[in-house]
Amino acid sequence: MRNNNSSNSNGGIGFVGLLTVAFIVLKLCRVINWSWLWILSPIWIALALTLIIILVALIFSK
């Protein structure tokens, strides 16, 4: 009898992570000359959108 209690998770880096890594590599290779604010923008934009969605969900759940 086989025990299949292993959990499979899809926790990958995702689009935002890949885009951020790509921007960092391009910045460090001097291909782009953007400020670090814009290099890391995929992270803070995704965070802002997530917080807005949570806030809207909280407002409409009451």
PDB file of N, CA and C in Angstrom:
ATOM      1  N   MET A   1       0.849  -1.173   0.000  1.00  0.00           N
ATOM      2  CA  MET A   1       0.000   0.000   0.000  1.00  0.00           C
ATOM      3  C   MET A   1       0.899   1.241   0.000  1.00  0.00           C
ATOM      4  N   ARG A   2       0.587   2.181  -0.879  1.00  0.00           N
ATOM      5  CA  ARG A   2       1.396   3.383  -1.027  1.00  0.00           C
ATOM      6  C   ARG A   2       0.793   4.545  -0.257  1.00  0.00           C
ATOM      7  N   ASN A   3       1.626   5.303   0.410  1.00  0.00           N
ATOM      8  CA  ASN A   3       1.162   6.451   1.184  1.00  0.00           C
ATOM      9  C   ASN A   3       1.430   7.720   0.392  1.00  0.00           C
ATOM     10  N   ASN A   4       0.389   8.353  -0.091  1.00  0.00           N
ATOM     11  CA  ASN A   4       0.513   9.569  -0.897  1.00  0.00           C
ATOM     12  C   ASN A   4       0.110  10.794  -0.099  1.00  0.00           C
ATOM     13  N   ASN A   5       0.778  11.037   0.994  1.00  0.00           N
ATOM     14  CA  ASN A   5       0.462  12.197   1.814  1.00  0.00           C
ATOM     15  C   ASN A   5       1.342  13.394   1.493  1.00  0.00           C
ATOM     16  N   SER A   6       2.011  13.368   0.362  1.00  0.00           N
ATOM     17  CA  SER A   6       2.850  14.514   0.004  1.00  0.00           C
ATOM     18  C   SER A   6       1.958  15.631  -0.524  1.00  0.00           C
ATOM     19  N   SER A   7       2.316  16.842  -0.155  1.00  0.00           N
ATOM     20  CA  SER A   7       1.519  17.976  -0.622  1.00  0.00           C
ATOM     21  C   SER A   7       2.233  18.624  -1.790  1.00  0.00           C
ATOM     22  N   ASN A   8       1.477  18.923  -2.805  1.00  0.00           N
ATOM     23  CA  ASN A   8       2.018  19.601  -3.972  1.00  0.00           C
ATOM     24  C   ASN A   8       1.612  21.057  -3.904  1.00  0.00           C
ATOM     25  N   SER A   9       2.606  21.945  -3.928  1.00  0.00           N
ATOM     26  CA  SER A   9       2.292  23.370  -3.923  1.00  0.00           C
ATOM     27  C   SER A   9       2.842  24.002  -5.186  1.00  0.00           C
ATOM     28  N   ASN A  10       2.138  24.993  -5.664  1.00  0.00           N
ATOM     29  CA  ASN A  10       2.538  25.705  -6.860  1.00  0.00           C
ATOM     30  C   ASN A  10       3.214  27.016  -6.516  1.00  0.00           C
ATOM     31  N   GLY A  11       3.926  27.086  -5.443  1.00  0.00           N
ATOM     32  CA  GLY A  11       4.551  28.328  -5.002  1.00  0.00           C
ATOM     33  C   GLY A  11       5.784  28.670  -5.803  1.00  0.00           C
ATOM     34  N   GLY A  12       5.589  29.225  -6.981  1.00  0.00           N
ATOM     35  CA  GLY A  12       6.702  29.634  -7.823  1.00  0.00           C
ATOM     36  C   GLY A  12       7.010  31.103  -7.640  1.00  0.00           C
ATOM     37  N   ILE A  13       7.911  31.606  -8.449  1.00  0.00           N
ATOM     38  CA  ILE A  13       8.309  33.006  -8.336  1.00  0.00           C
ATOM     39  C   ILE A  13       7.254  33.931  -8.928  1.00  0.00           C
ATOM     40  N   GLY A  14       6.552  33.522  -9.934  1.00  0.00           N
ATOM     41  CA  GLY A  14       5.472  34.313 -10.510  1.00  0.00           C
ATOM     42  C   GLY A  14       5.962  35.399 -11.453  1.00  0.00           C
ATOM     43  N   PHE A  15       5.007  36.050 -12.091  1.00  0.00           N
ATOM     44  CA  PHE A  15       5.306  37.072 -13.091  1.00  0.00           C
ATOM     45  C   PHE A  15       5.987  38.289 -12.476  1.00  0.00           C
ATOM     46  N   VAL A  16       5.473  38.752 -11.341  1.00  0.00           N
ATOM     47  CA  VAL A  16       6.026  39.945 -10.700  1.00  0.00           C
ATOM     48  C   VAL A  16       7.471  39.695 -10.277  1.00  0.00           C
ATOM     49  N   GLY A  17       7.720  38.525  -9.727  1.00  0.00           N
ATOM     50  CA  GLY A  17       9.081  38.187  -9.314  1.00  0.00           C
ATOM     51  C   GLY A  17      10.035  38.100 -10.489  1.00  0.00           C
ATOM     52  N   LEU A  18       9.584  37.472 -11.566  1.00  0.00           N
ATOM     53  CA  LEU A  18      10.425  37.368 -12.760  1.00  0.00           C
ATOM     54  C   LEU A  18      10.712  38.739 -13.366  1.00  0.00           C
ATOM     55  N   LEU A  19       9.706  39.587 -13.406  1.00  0.00           N
ATOM     56  CA  LEU A  19       9.887  40.928 -13.950  1.00  0.00           C
ATOM     57  C   LEU A  19      10.869  41.731 -13.092  1.00  0.00           C
ATOM     58  N   THR A  20      10.751  41.611 -11.778  1.00  0.00           N
ATOM     59  CA  THR A  20      11.667  42.309 -10.880  1.00  0.00           C
ATOM     60  C   THR A  20      13.095  41.817 -11.060  1.00  0.00           C
ATOM     61  N   VAL A  21      13.274  40.504 -11.131  1.00  0.00           N
ATOM     62  CA  VAL A  21      14.613  39.943 -11.339  1.00  0.00           C
ATOM     63  C   VAL A  21      15.177  40.407 -12.684  1.00  0.00           C
ATOM     64  N   ALA A  22      14.347  40.419 -13.709  1.00  0.00           N
ATOM     65  CA  ALA A  22      14.798  40.882 -15.024  1.00  0.00           C
ATOM     66  C   ALA A  22      15.243  42.344 -14.962  1.00  0.00           C
ATOM     67  N   PHE A  23      14.473  43.198 -14.291  1.00  0.00           N
ATOM     68  CA  PHE A  23      14.840  44.605 -14.166  1.00  0.00           C
ATOM     69  C   PHE A  23      16.146  44.765 -13.392  1.00  0.00           C
ATOM     70  N   ILE A  24      16.320  43.981 -12.322  1.00  0.00           N
ATOM     71  CA  ILE A  24      17.550  44.065 -11.528  1.00  0.00           C
ATOM     72  C   ILE A  24      18.757  43.647 -12.362  1.00  0.00           C
ATOM     73  N   VAL A  25      18.614  42.563 -13.113  1.00  0.00           N
ATOM     74  CA  VAL A  25      19.723  42.103 -13.967  1.00  0.00           C
ATOM     75  C   VAL A  25      20.055  43.154 -15.018  1.00  0.00           C
ATOM     76  N   LEU A  26      19.022  43.727 -15.643  1.00  0.00           N
ATOM     77  CA  LEU A  26      19.265  44.767 -16.646  1.00  0.00           C
ATOM     78  C   LEU A  26      19.936  45.993 -16.036  1.00  0.00           C
ATOM     79  N   LYS A  27      19.553  46.343 -14.827  1.00  0.00           N
ATOM     80  CA  LYS A  27      20.168  47.487 -14.142  1.00  0.00           C
ATOM     81  C   LYS A  27      21.629  47.199 -13.810  1.00  0.00           C
ATOM     82  N   LEU A  28      21.906  46.013 -13.282  1.00  0.00           N
ATOM     83  CA  LEU A  28      23.274  45.676 -12.897  1.00  0.00           C
ATOM     84  C   LEU A  28      24.190  45.497 -14.112  1.00  0.00           C
ATOM     85  N   CYS A  29      23.628  45.117 -15.243  1.00  0.00           N
ATOM     86  CA  CYS A  29      24.403  44.989 -16.485  1.00  0.00           C
ATOM     87  C   CYS A  29      24.481  46.312 -17.237  1.00  0.00           C
ATOM     88  N   ARG A  30      23.937  47.361 -16.657  1.00  0.00           N
ATOM     89  CA  ARG A  30      23.941  48.714 -17.225  1.00  0.00           C
ATOM     90  C   ARG A  30      23.235  48.806 -18.578  1.00  0.00           C
ATOM     91  N   VAL A  31      22.213  47.964 -18.769  1.00  0.00           N
ATOM     92  CA  VAL A  31      21.411  48.038 -19.987  1.00  0.00           C
ATOM     93  C   VAL A  31      20.369  49.146 -19.849  1.00  0.00           C
ATOM     94  N   ILE A  32      19.819  49.280 -18.643  1.00  0.00           N
ATOM     95  CA  ILE A  32      18.859  50.353 -18.367  1.00  0.00           C
ATOM     96  C   ILE A  32      19.436  51.239 -17.270  1.00  0.00           C
ATOM     97  N   ASN A  33      19.078  52.490 -17.296  1.00  0.00           N
ATOM     98  CA  ASN A  33      19.585  53.446 -16.314  1.00  0.00           C
ATOM     99  C   ASN A  33      18.429  54.051 -15.527  1.00  0.00           C
ATOM    100  N   TRP A  34      17.568  53.183 -15.001  1.00  0.00           N
ATOM    101  CA  TRP A  34      16.421  53.635 -14.231  1.00  0.00           C
ATOM    102  C   TRP A  34      16.809  53.772 -12.769  1.00  0.00           C
ATOM    103  N   SER A  35      16.020  54.523 -12.022  1.00  0.00           N
ATOM    104  CA  SER A  35      16.239  54.592 -10.580  1.00  0.00           C
ATOM    105  C   SER A  35      15.755  53.285  -9.943  1.00  0.00           C
ATOM    106  N   TRP A  36      16.258  53.012  -8.747  1.00  0.00           N
ATOM    107  CA  TRP A  36      15.889  51.768  -8.068  1.00  0.00           C
ATOM    108  C   TRP A  36      14.403  51.748  -7.714  1.00  0.00           C
ATOM    109  N   LEU A  37      13.807  52.922  -7.592  1.00  0.00           N
ATOM    110  CA  LEU A  37      12.358  52.984  -7.344  1.00  0.00           C
ATOM    111  C   LEU A  37      11.600  52.284  -8.462  1.00  0.00           C
ATOM    112  N   TRP A  38      11.996  52.534  -9.713  1.00  0.00           N
ATOM    113  CA  TRP A  38      11.309  51.923 -10.854  1.00  0.00           C
ATOM    114  C   TRP A  38      11.751  50.494 -11.090  1.00  0.00           C
ATOM    115  N   ILE A  39      12.979  50.171 -10.714  1.00  0.00           N
ATOM    116  CA  ILE A  39      13.454  48.793 -10.842  1.00  0.00           C
ATOM    117  C   ILE A  39      12.606  47.870  -9.960  1.00  0.00           C
ATOM    118  N   LEU A  40      12.286  48.339  -8.761  1.00  0.00           N
ATOM    119  CA  LEU A  40      11.515  47.542  -7.801  1.00  0.00           C
ATOM    120  C   LEU A  40      10.014  47.809  -7.887  1.00  0.00           C
ATOM    121  N   SER A  41       9.583  48.577  -8.880  1.00  0.00           N
ATOM    122  CA  SER A  41       8.170  48.935  -8.995  1.00  0.00           C
ATOM    123  C   SER A  41       7.216  47.757  -9.164  1.00  0.00           C
ATOM    124  N   PRO A  42       7.589  46.658  -9.835  1.00  0.00           N
ATOM    125  CA  PRO A  42       6.623  45.546  -9.902  1.00  0.00           C
ATOM    126  C   PRO A  42       6.221  45.039  -8.518  1.00  0.00           C
ATOM    127  N   ILE A  43       7.136  45.089  -7.574  1.00  0.00           N
ATOM    128  CA  ILE A  43       6.824  44.622  -6.216  1.00  0.00           C
ATOM    129  C   ILE A  43       5.840  45.567  -5.540  1.00  0.00           C
ATOM    130  N   TRP A  44       6.144  46.870  -5.549  1.00  0.00           N
ATOM    131  CA  TRP A  44       5.251  47.775  -4.820  1.00  0.00           C
ATOM    132  C   TRP A  44       3.937  48.013  -5.543  1.00  0.00           C
ATOM    133  N   ILE A  45       3.910  47.892  -6.857  1.00  0.00           N
ATOM    134  CA  ILE A  45       2.634  48.018  -7.575  1.00  0.00           C
ATOM    135  C   ILE A  45       1.738  46.819  -7.262  1.00  0.00           C
ATOM    136  N   ALA A  46       2.321  45.611  -7.256  1.00  0.00           N
ATOM    137  CA  ALA A  46       1.529  44.417  -6.909  1.00  0.00           C
ATOM    138  C   ALA A  46       1.032  44.504  -5.469  1.00  0.00           C
ATOM    139  N   LEU A  47       1.863  45.000  -4.571  1.00  0.00           N
ATOM    140  CA  LEU A  47       1.453  45.160  -3.175  1.00  0.00           C
ATOM    141  C   LEU A  47       0.322  46.170  -3.052  1.00  0.00           C
ATOM    142  N   ALA A  48       0.427  47.286  -3.759  1.00  0.00           N
ATOM    143  CA  ALA A  48      -0.618  48.310  -3.712  1.00  0.00           C
ATOM    144  C   ALA A  48      -1.940  47.779  -4.260  1.00  0.00           C
ATOM    145  N   LEU A  49      -1.883  47.045  -5.372  1.00  0.00           N
ATOM    146  CA  LEU A  49      -3.114  46.473  -5.934  1.00  0.00           C
ATOM    147  C   LEU A  49      -3.745  45.460  -4.984  1.00  0.00           C
ATOM    148  N   THR A  50      -2.920  44.655  -4.345  1.00  0.00           N
ATOM    149  CA  THR A  50      -3.438  43.682  -3.382  1.00  0.00           C
ATOM    150  C   THR A  50      -4.116  44.380  -2.209  1.00  0.00           C
ATOM    151  N   LEU A  51      -3.488  45.434  -1.698  1.00  0.00           N
ATOM    152  CA  LEU A  51      -4.086  46.171  -0.581  1.00  0.00           C
ATOM    153  C   LEU A  51      -5.385  46.857  -0.986  1.00  0.00           C
ATOM    154  N   ILE A  52      -5.445  47.371  -2.210  1.00  0.00           N
ATOM    155  CA  ILE A  52      -6.681  48.004  -2.691  1.00  0.00           C
ATOM    156  C   ILE A  52      -7.797  46.970  -2.811  1.00  0.00           C
ATOM    157  N   ILE A  53      -7.482  45.793  -3.332  1.00  0.00           N
ATOM    158  CA  ILE A  53      -8.496  44.742  -3.464  1.00  0.00           C
ATOM    159  C   ILE A  53      -8.990  44.305  -2.086  1.00  0.00           C
ATOM    160  N   ILE A  54      -8.086  44.172  -1.127  1.00  0.00           N
ATOM    161  CA  ILE A  54      -8.485  43.782   0.230  1.00  0.00           C
ATOM    162  C   ILE A  54      -9.356  44.870   0.841  1.00  0.00           C
ATOM    163  N   LEU A  55      -8.978  46.130   0.655  1.00  0.00           N
ATOM    164  CA  LEU A  55      -9.766  47.219   1.199  1.00  0.00           C
ATOM    165  C   LEU A  55     -11.163  47.276   0.602  1.00  0.00           C
ATOM    166  N   VAL A  56     -11.271  47.095  -0.711  1.00  0.00           N
ATOM    167  CA  VAL A  56     -12.587  47.099  -1.366  1.00  0.00           C
ATOM    168  C   VAL A  56     -13.414  45.915  -0.882  1.00  0.00           C
ATOM    169  N   ALA A  57     -12.789  44.744  -0.728  1.00  0.00           N
ATOM    170  CA  ALA A  57     -13.508  43.582  -0.237  1.00  0.00           C
ATOM    171  C   ALA A  57     -14.018  43.804   1.183  1.00  0.00           C
ATOM    172  N   LEU A  58     -13.211  44.444   2.017  1.00  0.00           N
ATOM    173  CA  LEU A  58     -13.657  44.735   3.388  1.00  0.00           C
ATOM    174  C   LEU A  58     -14.800  45.734   3.407  1.00  0.00           C
ATOM    175  N   ILE A  59     -14.745  46.712   2.525  1.00  0.00           N
ATOM    176  CA  ILE A  59     -15.799  47.737   2.490  1.00  0.00           C
ATOM    177  C   ILE A  59     -17.126  47.120   2.045  1.00  0.00           C
ATOM    178  N   PHE A  60     -17.076  46.275   1.011  1.00  0.00           N
ATOM    179  CA  PHE A  60     -18.317  45.699   0.496  1.00  0.00           C
ATOM    180  C   PHE A  60     -18.810  44.492   1.277  1.00  0.00           C
ATOM    181  N   SER A  61     -18.019  43.986   2.200  1.00  0.00           N
ATOM    182  CA  SER A  61     -18.475  42.825   2.981  1.00  0.00           C
ATOM    183  C   SER A  61     -19.319  43.236   4.180  1.00  0.00           C
ATOM    184  N   LYS A  62     -19.390  44.513   4.453  1.00  0.00           N
ATOM    185  CA  LYS A  62     -20.171  44.966   5.621  1.00  0.00           C
ATOM    186  C   LYS A  62     -21.529  45.415   5.267  1.00  0.00           C
TER     187      LYS A  62
END
